[in-house]
């Protein structure tokens, strides 16, 4: 996929050079093809940067909405804890040790504790040998 995108950008940049011929007068009636490289670069920028960022933001918002009591989470500061209470004012009470709890903003939760960890099944077998 990236090979095609690189080819599109290089063709777009070459077409800009072809529009500006030496000795030609630049008037108000410029070629509409002169804007093609800029459009292609914007489309490339959208699909490589903006769209994945929007998906990631949407996924995090869904995760924050679906938090419930008893979930094990990790905060943005790296603190692991268990959710004891979720208040109406978007604060979450975490138990970080037996009898020790802290209050943080819901937006300060980076993710669920087991989220994103995928351990190979053979790992346990190697440790037993």
C-alpha atoms as a PDB file:
ATOM      1  CA  UNK A   1       0.000   0.000   0.000  1.00  0.00           C
ATOM      2  CA  UNK A   2       2.803   2.389   0.882  1.00  0.00           C
ATOM      3  CA  UNK A   3       4.458   1.784  -2.495  1.00  0.00           C
ATOM      4  CA  UNK A   4       1.341   3.081  -4.238  1.00  0.00           C
ATOM      5  CA  UNK A   5       1.149   6.135  -2.010  1.00  0.00           C
ATOM      6  CA  UNK A   6       4.797   6.980  -2.598  1.00  0.00           C
ATOM      7  CA  UNK A   7       4.245   6.627  -6.333  1.00  0.00           C
ATOM      8  CA  UNK A   8       1.236   8.966  -6.196  1.00  0.00           C
ATOM      9  CA  UNK A   9       3.154  11.618  -4.290  1.00  0.00           C
ATOM     10  CA  UNK A  10       6.150  11.422  -6.623  1.00  0.00           C
ATOM     11  CA  UNK A  11       3.901  11.729  -9.690  1.00  0.00           C
ATOM     12  CA  UNK A  12       2.142  14.680  -8.076  1.00  0.00           C
ATOM     13  CA  UNK A  13       5.427  16.435  -7.378  1.00  0.00           C
ATOM     14  CA  UNK A  14       6.662  15.791 -10.915  1.00  0.00           C
ATOM     15  CA  UNK A  15       3.487  17.286 -12.355  1.00  0.00           C
ATOM     16  CA  UNK A  16       4.129  20.503 -10.413  1.00  0.00           C
ATOM     17  CA  UNK A  17       7.486  20.813 -12.121  1.00  0.00           C
ATOM     18  CA  UNK A  18       5.858  20.246 -15.527  1.00  0.00           C
ATOM     19  CA  UNK A  19       3.345  23.053 -15.005  1.00  0.00           C
ATOM     20  CA  UNK A  20       6.046  25.678 -14.478  1.00  0.00           C
ATOM     21  CA  UNK A  21       7.884  25.879 -17.782  1.00  0.00           C
ATOM     22  CA  UNK A  22      10.704  28.358 -18.193  1.00  0.00           C
ATOM     23  CA  UNK A  23       9.728  31.402 -20.195  1.00  0.00           C
ATOM     24  CA  UNK A  24       6.007  30.864 -19.670  1.00  0.00           C
ATOM     25  CA  UNK A  25       4.036  33.726 -18.250  1.00  0.00           C
ATOM     26  CA  UNK A  26       2.168  33.024 -15.022  1.00  0.00           C
ATOM     27  CA  UNK A  27      -1.231  34.578 -15.442  1.00  0.00           C
ATOM     28  CA  UNK A  28      -4.449  34.443 -13.477  1.00  0.00           C
ATOM     29  CA  UNK A  29      -5.714  31.643 -15.716  1.00  0.00           C
ATOM     30  CA  UNK A  30      -3.367  28.951 -14.332  1.00  0.00           C
ATOM     31  CA  UNK A  31      -3.906  25.307 -15.076  1.00  0.00           C
ATOM     32  CA  UNK A  32      -6.271  23.465 -12.710  1.00  0.00           C
ATOM     33  CA  UNK A  33      -3.783  20.604 -12.745  1.00  0.00           C
ATOM     34  CA  UNK A  34      -1.439  22.772 -10.698  1.00  0.00           C
ATOM     35  CA  UNK A  35      -3.585  22.028  -7.622  1.00  0.00           C
ATOM     36  CA  UNK A  36      -3.578  18.264  -8.189  1.00  0.00           C
ATOM     37  CA  UNK A  37      -0.377  17.617  -6.205  1.00  0.00           C
ATOM     38  CA  UNK A  38      -1.740  19.514  -3.213  1.00  0.00           C
ATOM     39  CA  UNK A  39      -4.989  17.560  -3.324  1.00  0.00           C
ATOM     40  CA  UNK A  40      -3.099  14.265  -3.550  1.00  0.00           C
ATOM     41  CA  UNK A  41      -0.846  15.229  -0.644  1.00  0.00           C
ATOM     42  CA  UNK A  42      -3.893  16.148   1.471  1.00  0.00           C
ATOM     43  CA  UNK A  43      -5.567  12.813   0.661  1.00  0.00           C
ATOM     44  CA  UNK A  44      -2.372  10.978   1.589  1.00  0.00           C
ATOM     45  CA  UNK A  45      -2.111  12.982   4.822  1.00  0.00           C
ATOM     46  CA  UNK A  46      -5.720  12.151   5.682  1.00  0.00           C
ATOM     47  CA  UNK A  47      -5.391   8.394   5.199  1.00  0.00           C
ATOM     48  CA  UNK A  48      -1.989   8.038   6.882  1.00  0.00           C
ATOM     49  CA  UNK A  49      -2.403  10.403   9.845  1.00  0.00           C
ATOM     50  CA  UNK A  50      -5.863  11.826  10.477  1.00  0.00           C
ATOM     51  CA  UNK A  51      -8.027   8.752   9.985  1.00  0.00           C
ATOM     52  CA  UNK A  52      -5.998   6.377  12.218  1.00  0.00           C
ATOM     53  CA  UNK A  53      -5.854   9.069  14.918  1.00  0.00           C
ATOM     54  CA  UNK A  54      -9.650   9.456  14.822  1.00  0.00           C
ATOM     55  CA  UNK A  55     -10.097   5.691  15.149  1.00  0.00           C
ATOM     56  CA  UNK A  56      -7.734   5.569  18.129  1.00  0.00           C
ATOM     57  CA  UNK A  57      -9.540   8.459  19.854  1.00  0.00           C
ATOM     58  CA  UNK A  58     -12.935   6.830  19.273  1.00  0.00           C
ATOM     59  CA  UNK A  59     -11.654   3.522  20.686  1.00  0.00           C
ATOM     60  CA  UNK A  60     -10.328   5.206  23.849  1.00  0.00           C
ATOM     61  CA  UNK A  61     -13.607   7.108  24.381  1.00  0.00           C
ATOM     62  CA  UNK A  62     -15.553   3.839  24.120  1.00  0.00           C
ATOM     63  CA  UNK A  63     -13.214   2.203  26.623  1.00  0.00           C
ATOM     64  CA  UNK A  64     -13.651   5.075  29.100  1.00  0.00           C
ATOM     65  CA  UNK A  65     -17.447   4.919  28.768  1.00  0.00           C
ATOM     66  CA  UNK A  66     -17.500   1.174  29.344  1.00  0.00           C
ATOM     67  CA  UNK A  67     -15.520   1.248  32.613  1.00  0.00           C
ATOM     68  CA  UNK A  68     -17.242  -0.439  35.516  1.00  0.00           C
ATOM     69  CA  UNK A  69     -16.626  -1.262  39.127  1.00  0.00           C
ATOM     70  CA  UNK A  70     -14.061  -4.045  39.594  1.00  0.00           C
ATOM     71  CA  UNK A  71     -12.081  -3.406  36.395  1.00  0.00           C
ATOM     72  CA  UNK A  72      -8.298  -3.494  36.714  1.00  0.00           C
ATOM     73  CA  UNK A  73      -6.858  -0.427  34.978  1.00  0.00           C
ATOM     74  CA  UNK A  74      -3.616   1.445  34.451  1.00  0.00           C
ATOM     75  CA  UNK A  75      -3.496   5.227  34.708  1.00  0.00           C
ATOM     76  CA  UNK A  76      -1.650   7.598  32.415  1.00  0.00           C
ATOM     77  CA  UNK A  77       0.953   7.951  35.173  1.00  0.00           C
ATOM     78  CA  UNK A  78       1.580   4.208  35.258  1.00  0.00           C
ATOM     79  CA  UNK A  79      -0.341   3.341  38.426  1.00  0.00           C
ATOM     80  CA  UNK A  80      -2.171   0.024  38.424  1.00  0.00           C
ATOM     81  CA  UNK A  81      -5.395  -0.209  40.363  1.00  0.00           C
ATOM     82  CA  UNK A  82      -8.866  -1.653  40.706  1.00  0.00           C
ATOM     83  CA  UNK A  83     -11.917   0.561  40.262  1.00  0.00           C
ATOM     84  CA  UNK A  84     -13.886   0.884  43.480  1.00  0.00           C
ATOM     85  CA  UNK A  85     -16.292   3.646  42.498  1.00  0.00           C
ATOM     86  CA  UNK A  86     -17.154   5.836  39.522  1.00  0.00           C
ATOM     87  CA  UNK A  87     -18.689   9.176  40.548  1.00  0.00           C
ATOM     88  CA  UNK A  88     -21.072  11.380  38.581  1.00  0.00           C
ATOM     89  CA  UNK A  89     -18.459  14.131  38.200  1.00  0.00           C
ATOM     90  CA  UNK A  90     -16.154  11.867  36.132  1.00  0.00           C
ATOM     91  CA  UNK A  91     -13.861  10.955  39.001  1.00  0.00           C
ATOM     92  CA  UNK A  92     -12.825   7.372  39.624  1.00  0.00           C
ATOM     93  CA  UNK A  93     -11.726   5.885  42.930  1.00  0.00           C
ATOM     94  CA  UNK A  94      -8.945   3.321  42.487  1.00  0.00           C
ATOM     95  CA  UNK A  95      -7.655   0.870  45.043  1.00  0.00           C
ATOM     96  CA  UNK A  96      -3.919   0.687  44.438  1.00  0.00           C
ATOM     97  CA  UNK A  97      -3.113  -1.438  47.499  1.00  0.00           C
ATOM     98  CA  UNK A  98      -5.193  -3.052  50.234  1.00  0.00           C
ATOM     99  CA  UNK A  99      -6.765  -0.169  52.115  1.00  0.00           C
ATOM    100  CA  UNK A 100      -5.095   2.511  49.935  1.00  0.00           C
ATOM    101  CA  UNK A 101      -7.286   4.298  47.413  1.00  0.00           C
ATOM    102  CA  UNK A 102      -6.880   7.373  45.252  1.00  0.00           C
ATOM    103  CA  UNK A 103      -9.258   9.529  43.251  1.00  0.00           C
ATOM    104  CA  UNK A 104      -8.385  10.398  39.672  1.00  0.00           C
ATOM    105  CA  UNK A 105     -10.149  11.865  36.672  1.00  0.00           C
ATOM    106  CA  UNK A 106     -11.742   9.352  34.342  1.00  0.00           C
ATOM    107  CA  UNK A 107      -9.672  10.776  31.481  1.00  0.00           C
ATOM    108  CA  UNK A 108      -6.510   9.875  33.435  1.00  0.00           C
ATOM    109  CA  UNK A 109      -7.082   6.184  32.784  1.00  0.00           C
ATOM    110  CA  UNK A 110      -4.860   4.972  29.953  1.00  0.00           C
ATOM    111  CA  UNK A 111      -6.382   1.534  29.520  1.00  0.00           C
ATOM    112  CA  UNK A 112      -7.444  -1.751  30.982  1.00  0.00           C
ATOM    113  CA  UNK A 113      -4.675  -3.743  32.654  1.00  0.00           C
ATOM    114  CA  UNK A 114      -4.819  -6.820  30.416  1.00  0.00           C
ATOM    115  CA  UNK A 115      -5.503  -4.857  27.232  1.00  0.00           C
ATOM    116  CA  UNK A 116      -3.002  -5.277  24.406  1.00  0.00           C
ATOM    117  CA  UNK A 117      -1.055  -8.095  26.060  1.00  0.00           C
ATOM    118  CA  UNK A 118      -0.901 -11.222  24.013  1.00  0.00           C
ATOM    119  CA  UNK A 119       1.470 -13.829  25.358  1.00  0.00           C
ATOM    120  CA  UNK A 120       2.385 -16.846  23.265  1.00  0.00           C
ATOM    121  CA  UNK A 121       0.965 -20.157  24.475  1.00  0.00           C
ATOM    122  CA  UNK A 122       4.397 -21.787  24.337  1.00  0.00           C
ATOM    123  CA  UNK A 123       5.831 -19.385  26.923  1.00  0.00           C
ATOM    124  CA  UNK A 124       4.512 -21.425  29.875  1.00  0.00           C
ATOM    125  CA  UNK A 125       5.854 -24.639  28.395  1.00  0.00           C
ATOM    126  CA  UNK A 126       9.374 -23.201  28.084  1.00  0.00           C
ATOM    127  CA  UNK A 127       9.424 -22.031  31.704  1.00  0.00           C
ATOM    128  CA  UNK A 128       8.433 -25.486  32.972  1.00  0.00           C
ATOM    129  CA  UNK A 129      11.281 -27.250  31.133  1.00  0.00           C
END
